[in-house]
C-alpha atoms as a PDB file:
ATOM      1  CA  UNK A   1       7.067   1.321 -12.815  1.00  0.00           C
ATOM      2  CA  UNK A   2       7.039   4.119 -10.366  1.00  0.00           C
ATOM      3  CA  UNK A   3       4.380   6.799 -10.977  1.00  0.00           C
ATOM      4  CA  UNK A   4       3.897   8.186  -7.277  1.00  0.00           C
ATOM      5  CA  UNK A   5       6.430   8.021  -4.255  1.00  0.00           C
ATOM      6  CA  UNK A   6       4.587   9.178  -1.143  1.00  0.00           C
ATOM      7  CA  UNK A   7       6.543  10.510   2.242  1.00  0.00           C
ATOM      8  CA  UNK A   8       5.782  10.682   5.774  1.00  0.00           C
ATOM      9  CA  UNK A   9       6.961  13.734   7.382  1.00  0.00           C
ATOM     10  CA  UNK A  10       6.328  15.868  10.126  1.00  0.00           C
ATOM     11  CA  UNK A  11       8.958  18.814   9.774  1.00  0.00           C
ATOM     12  CA  UNK A  12      11.721  16.821  11.882  1.00  0.00           C
ATOM     13  CA  UNK A  13      15.705  16.182  10.670  1.00  0.00           C
ATOM     14  CA  UNK A  14      15.286  12.933  10.176  1.00  0.00           C
ATOM     15  CA  UNK A  15      11.709  13.274   8.217  1.00  0.00           C
ATOM     16  CA  UNK A  16      14.054  16.087   6.242  1.00  0.00           C
ATOM     17  CA  UNK A  17      15.887  13.204   5.123  1.00  0.00           C
ATOM     18  CA  UNK A  18      13.358  11.486   3.511  1.00  0.00           C
ATOM     19  CA  UNK A  19      12.064  14.364   2.098  1.00  0.00           C
ATOM     20  CA  UNK A  20      15.392  14.813   0.112  1.00  0.00           C
ATOM     21  CA  UNK A  21      15.373  10.900  -0.674  1.00  0.00           C
ATOM     22  CA  UNK A  22      11.897  10.825  -2.040  1.00  0.00           C
ATOM     23  CA  UNK A  23      12.200  13.543  -3.548  1.00  0.00           C
ATOM     24  CA  UNK A  24      15.314  12.074  -5.724  1.00  0.00           C
ATOM     25  CA  UNK A  25      13.472   8.964  -6.404  1.00  0.00           C
ATOM     26  CA  UNK A  26      10.363  10.731  -7.672  1.00  0.00           C
ATOM     27  CA  UNK A  27      12.767  13.226 -10.568  1.00  0.00           C
ATOM     28  CA  UNK A  28      14.509   9.982 -11.217  1.00  0.00           C
ATOM     29  CA  UNK A  29      10.921   8.490 -12.229  1.00  0.00           C
ATOM     30  CA  UNK A  30       9.438  11.177 -12.754  1.00  0.00           C
ATOM     31  CA  UNK A  31       6.783  10.215 -10.521  1.00  0.00           C
ATOM     32  CA  UNK A  32       4.188  12.661  -8.551  1.00  0.00           C
ATOM     33  CA  UNK A  33       5.179  13.207  -4.817  1.00  0.00           C
ATOM     34  CA  UNK A  34       3.262  12.892  -2.313  1.00  0.00           C
ATOM     35  CA  UNK A  35       3.689  14.238   0.774  1.00  0.00           C
ATOM     36  CA  UNK A  36       2.165  12.784   4.082  1.00  0.00           C
ATOM     37  CA  UNK A  37       1.380  14.284   7.756  1.00  0.00           C
ATOM     38  CA  UNK A  38      -0.039  12.611  10.989  1.00  0.00           C
ATOM     39  CA  UNK A  39      -1.419  14.747  13.417  1.00  0.00           C
ATOM     40  CA  UNK A  40      -2.919  13.802  17.118  1.00  0.00           C
ATOM     41  CA  UNK A  41      -5.221  16.339  18.063  1.00  0.00           C
ATOM     42  CA  UNK A  42      -6.158  14.499  21.059  1.00  0.00           C
ATOM     43  CA  UNK A  43      -5.906  17.622  23.173  1.00  0.00           C
ATOM     44  CA  UNK A  44      -8.251  20.076  20.723  1.00  0.00           C
ATOM     45  CA  UNK A  45     -11.557  21.385  22.560  1.00  0.00           C
ATOM     46  CA  UNK A  46      -9.968  21.676  25.729  1.00  0.00           C
ATOM     47  CA  UNK A  47     -12.140  24.723  26.358  1.00  0.00           C
ATOM     48  CA  UNK A  48      -9.841  26.997  25.460  1.00  0.00           C
ATOM     49  CA  UNK A  49     -11.813  29.498  23.217  1.00  0.00           C
ATOM     50  CA  UNK A  50      -8.860  32.111  21.646  1.00  0.00           C
ATOM     51  CA  UNK A  51      -8.599  31.293  18.498  1.00  0.00           C
ATOM     52  CA  UNK A  52      -4.741  32.113  18.180  1.00  0.00           C
ATOM     53  CA  UNK A  53      -4.231  29.834  21.169  1.00  0.00           C
ATOM     54  CA  UNK A  54      -5.732  27.079  19.782  1.00  0.00           C
ATOM     55  CA  UNK A  55      -4.029  27.152  16.195  1.00  0.00           C
ATOM     56  CA  UNK A  56      -0.636  27.811  18.457  1.00  0.00           C
ATOM     57  CA  UNK A  57      -1.059  24.712  19.946  1.00  0.00           C
ATOM     58  CA  UNK A  58      -3.009  22.670  17.367  1.00  0.00           C
ATOM     59  CA  UNK A  59      -0.781  19.722  16.041  1.00  0.00           C
ATOM     60  CA  UNK A  60      -3.038  19.464  13.261  1.00  0.00           C
ATOM     61  CA  UNK A  61      -2.771  23.385  12.497  1.00  0.00           C
ATOM     62  CA  UNK A  62       1.148  23.295  13.011  1.00  0.00           C
ATOM     63  CA  UNK A  63       1.943  20.371  10.760  1.00  0.00           C
ATOM     64  CA  UNK A  64      -0.622  21.698   7.620  1.00  0.00           C
ATOM     65  CA  UNK A  65       2.082  24.930   7.488  1.00  0.00           C
ATOM     66  CA  UNK A  66       4.968  22.087   7.670  1.00  0.00           C
ATOM     67  CA  UNK A  67       3.439  20.455   5.155  1.00  0.00           C
ATOM     68  CA  UNK A  68       2.136  23.570   3.014  1.00  0.00           C
ATOM     69  CA  UNK A  69       5.802  24.973   3.226  1.00  0.00           C
ATOM     70  CA  UNK A  70       7.627  21.649   2.364  1.00  0.00           C
ATOM     71  CA  UNK A  71       5.262  21.784  -0.705  1.00  0.00           C
ATOM     72  CA  UNK A  72       6.268  25.035  -2.071  1.00  0.00           C
ATOM     73  CA  UNK A  73       9.901  24.439  -1.894  1.00  0.00           C
ATOM     74  CA  UNK A  74       9.356  21.613  -3.775  1.00  0.00           C
ATOM     75  CA  UNK A  75       6.826  23.130  -6.441  1.00  0.00           C
ATOM     76  CA  UNK A  76       9.590  26.077  -6.536  1.00  0.00           C
ATOM     77  CA  UNK A  77      12.309  23.052  -7.182  1.00  0.00           C
ATOM     78  CA  UNK A  78      10.004  22.086 -10.057  1.00  0.00           C
ATOM     79  CA  UNK A  79       9.002  18.666  -8.132  1.00  0.00           C
ATOM     80  CA  UNK A  80       4.736  17.811  -8.628  1.00  0.00           C
ATOM     81  CA  UNK A  81       4.000  17.301  -5.365  1.00  0.00           C
ATOM     82  CA  UNK A  82       1.232  17.067  -2.942  1.00  0.00           C
ATOM     83  CA  UNK A  83       0.164  16.722   0.280  1.00  0.00           C
ATOM     84  CA  UNK A  84      -2.338  14.076   2.245  1.00  0.00           C
ATOM     85  CA  UNK A  85      -2.632  14.293   6.157  1.00  0.00           C
ATOM     86  CA  UNK A  86      -4.616  11.988   8.812  1.00  0.00           C
ATOM     87  CA  UNK A  87      -5.289  11.826  12.436  1.00  0.00           C
ATOM     88  CA  UNK A  88      -4.183   8.896  14.515  1.00  0.00           C
ATOM     89  CA  UNK A  89      -1.600   6.734  15.344  1.00  0.00           C
ATOM     90  CA  UNK A  90       1.454   7.436  13.127  1.00  0.00           C
ATOM     91  CA  UNK A  91       2.313   4.224  11.438  1.00  0.00           C
ATOM     92  CA  UNK A  92      -1.283   3.431  11.293  1.00  0.00           C
ATOM     93  CA  UNK A  93      -2.208   6.472   9.486  1.00  0.00           C
ATOM     94  CA  UNK A  94       0.536   6.396   7.264  1.00  0.00           C
ATOM     95  CA  UNK A  95      -0.570   3.341   6.377  1.00  0.00           C
ATOM     96  CA  UNK A  96      -3.796   4.137   5.441  1.00  0.00           C
ATOM     97  CA  UNK A  97      -2.788   7.319   3.459  1.00  0.00           C
ATOM     98  CA  UNK A  98      -0.280   5.356   1.507  1.00  0.00           C
ATOM     99  CA  UNK A  99      -2.796   2.847   0.410  1.00  0.00           C
ATOM    100  CA  UNK A 100      -5.786   5.532  -0.196  1.00  0.00           C
ATOM    101  CA  UNK A 101      -2.902   7.696  -2.704  1.00  0.00           C
ATOM    102  CA  UNK A 102      -2.254   4.425  -4.363  1.00  0.00           C
ATOM    103  CA  UNK A 103       1.785   5.105  -4.254  1.00  0.00           C
ATOM    104  CA  UNK A 104       3.962   3.002  -5.624  1.00  0.00           C
ATOM    105  CA  UNK A 105       6.484   2.944  -2.565  1.00  0.00           C
ATOM    106  CA  UNK A 106       6.797   4.680   0.848  1.00  0.00           C
ATOM    107  CA  UNK A 107       9.584   6.474   1.635  1.00  0.00           C
ATOM    108  CA  UNK A 108      10.575   6.683   5.729  1.00  0.00           C
ATOM    109  CA  UNK A 109      13.040   8.068   8.003  1.00  0.00           C
ATOM    110  CA  UNK A 110      14.325   5.378  10.092  1.00  0.00           C
ATOM    111  CA  UNK A 111      14.166   7.191  13.397  1.00  0.00           C
ATOM    112  CA  UNK A 112      12.819   5.184  15.978  1.00  0.00           C
ATOM    113  CA  UNK A 113      13.315   1.763  14.193  1.00  0.00           C
ATOM    114  CA  UNK A 114      15.770  -0.059  17.094  1.00  0.00           C
ATOM    115  CA  UNK A 115      16.423  -3.634  16.350  1.00  0.00           C
ATOM    116  CA  UNK A 116      12.199  -4.048  15.419  1.00  0.00           C
ATOM    117  CA  UNK A 117      10.646  -1.936  18.790  1.00  0.00           C
ATOM    118  CA  UNK A 118       7.004  -3.224  18.429  1.00  0.00           C
ATOM    119  CA  UNK A 119       4.879   0.000  17.704  1.00  0.00           C
ATOM    120  CA  UNK A 120       7.520   2.305  16.292  1.00  0.00           C
ATOM    121  CA  UNK A 121       6.414   3.992  12.952  1.00  0.00           C
ATOM    122  CA  UNK A 122       8.996   2.554  10.767  1.00  0.00           C
ATOM    123  CA  UNK A 123       8.720  -1.148  12.432  1.00  0.00           C
ATOM    124  CA  UNK A 124       4.796  -1.022  11.383  1.00  0.00           C
ATOM    125  CA  UNK A 125       5.017   1.071   8.079  1.00  0.00           C
ATOM    126  CA  UNK A 126       7.206  -1.889   6.726  1.00  0.00           C
ATOM    127  CA  UNK A 127       4.882  -4.424   7.620  1.00  0.00           C
ATOM    128  CA  UNK A 128       1.748  -3.303   7.006  1.00  0.00           C
ATOM    129  CA  UNK A 129       2.354  -0.724   3.774  1.00  0.00           C
ATOM    130  CA  UNK A 130       0.522  -1.910   0.370  1.00  0.00           C
ATOM    131  CA  UNK A 131       3.844  -1.017  -1.205  1.00  0.00           C
ATOM    132  CA  UNK A 132       7.489  -1.024  -1.180  1.00  0.00           C
ATOM    133  CA  UNK A 133       9.048   0.922   1.553  1.00  0.00           C
ATOM    134  CA  UNK A 134      12.376   2.547   1.386  1.00  0.00           C
ATOM    135  CA  UNK A 135      13.761   3.122   5.298  1.00  0.00           C
ATOM    136  CA  UNK A 136      16.298   6.594   5.298  1.00  0.00           C
ATOM    137  CA  UNK A 137      19.343   5.694   7.270  1.00  0.00           C
ATOM    138  CA  UNK A 138      19.076   8.865   9.086  1.00  0.00           C
ATOM    139  CA  UNK A 139      21.095   8.008  12.596  1.00  0.00           C
END
């Protein structure tokens, strides 16, 4: 039985297609939808003390805003959802977040999946995720 559907998103067009597919899956199974986002703030604290400039250049702040908007839209449409974020390598972090939330299935877009190129996010996730993975064909 599917009770939790996780979806990796970063606000891109490919991720938006994955969110659509995950939303439909969550509706069909009456499951919770969990939006997963990954950022890399390697440049944080680079000496810029202006809070507005730090926010404007912060990948984590931008991702949080994207996820908050997506979550609000989904809730408005009657979909039960929540968000989780993590920092680091996207493939590795998506696997970790999927495991930590106990998802039954992870939905991702296929962007970057070019004949099993080592290191691509979809390739990493499909090989290491602790649950079933649904790869949405977007390209």
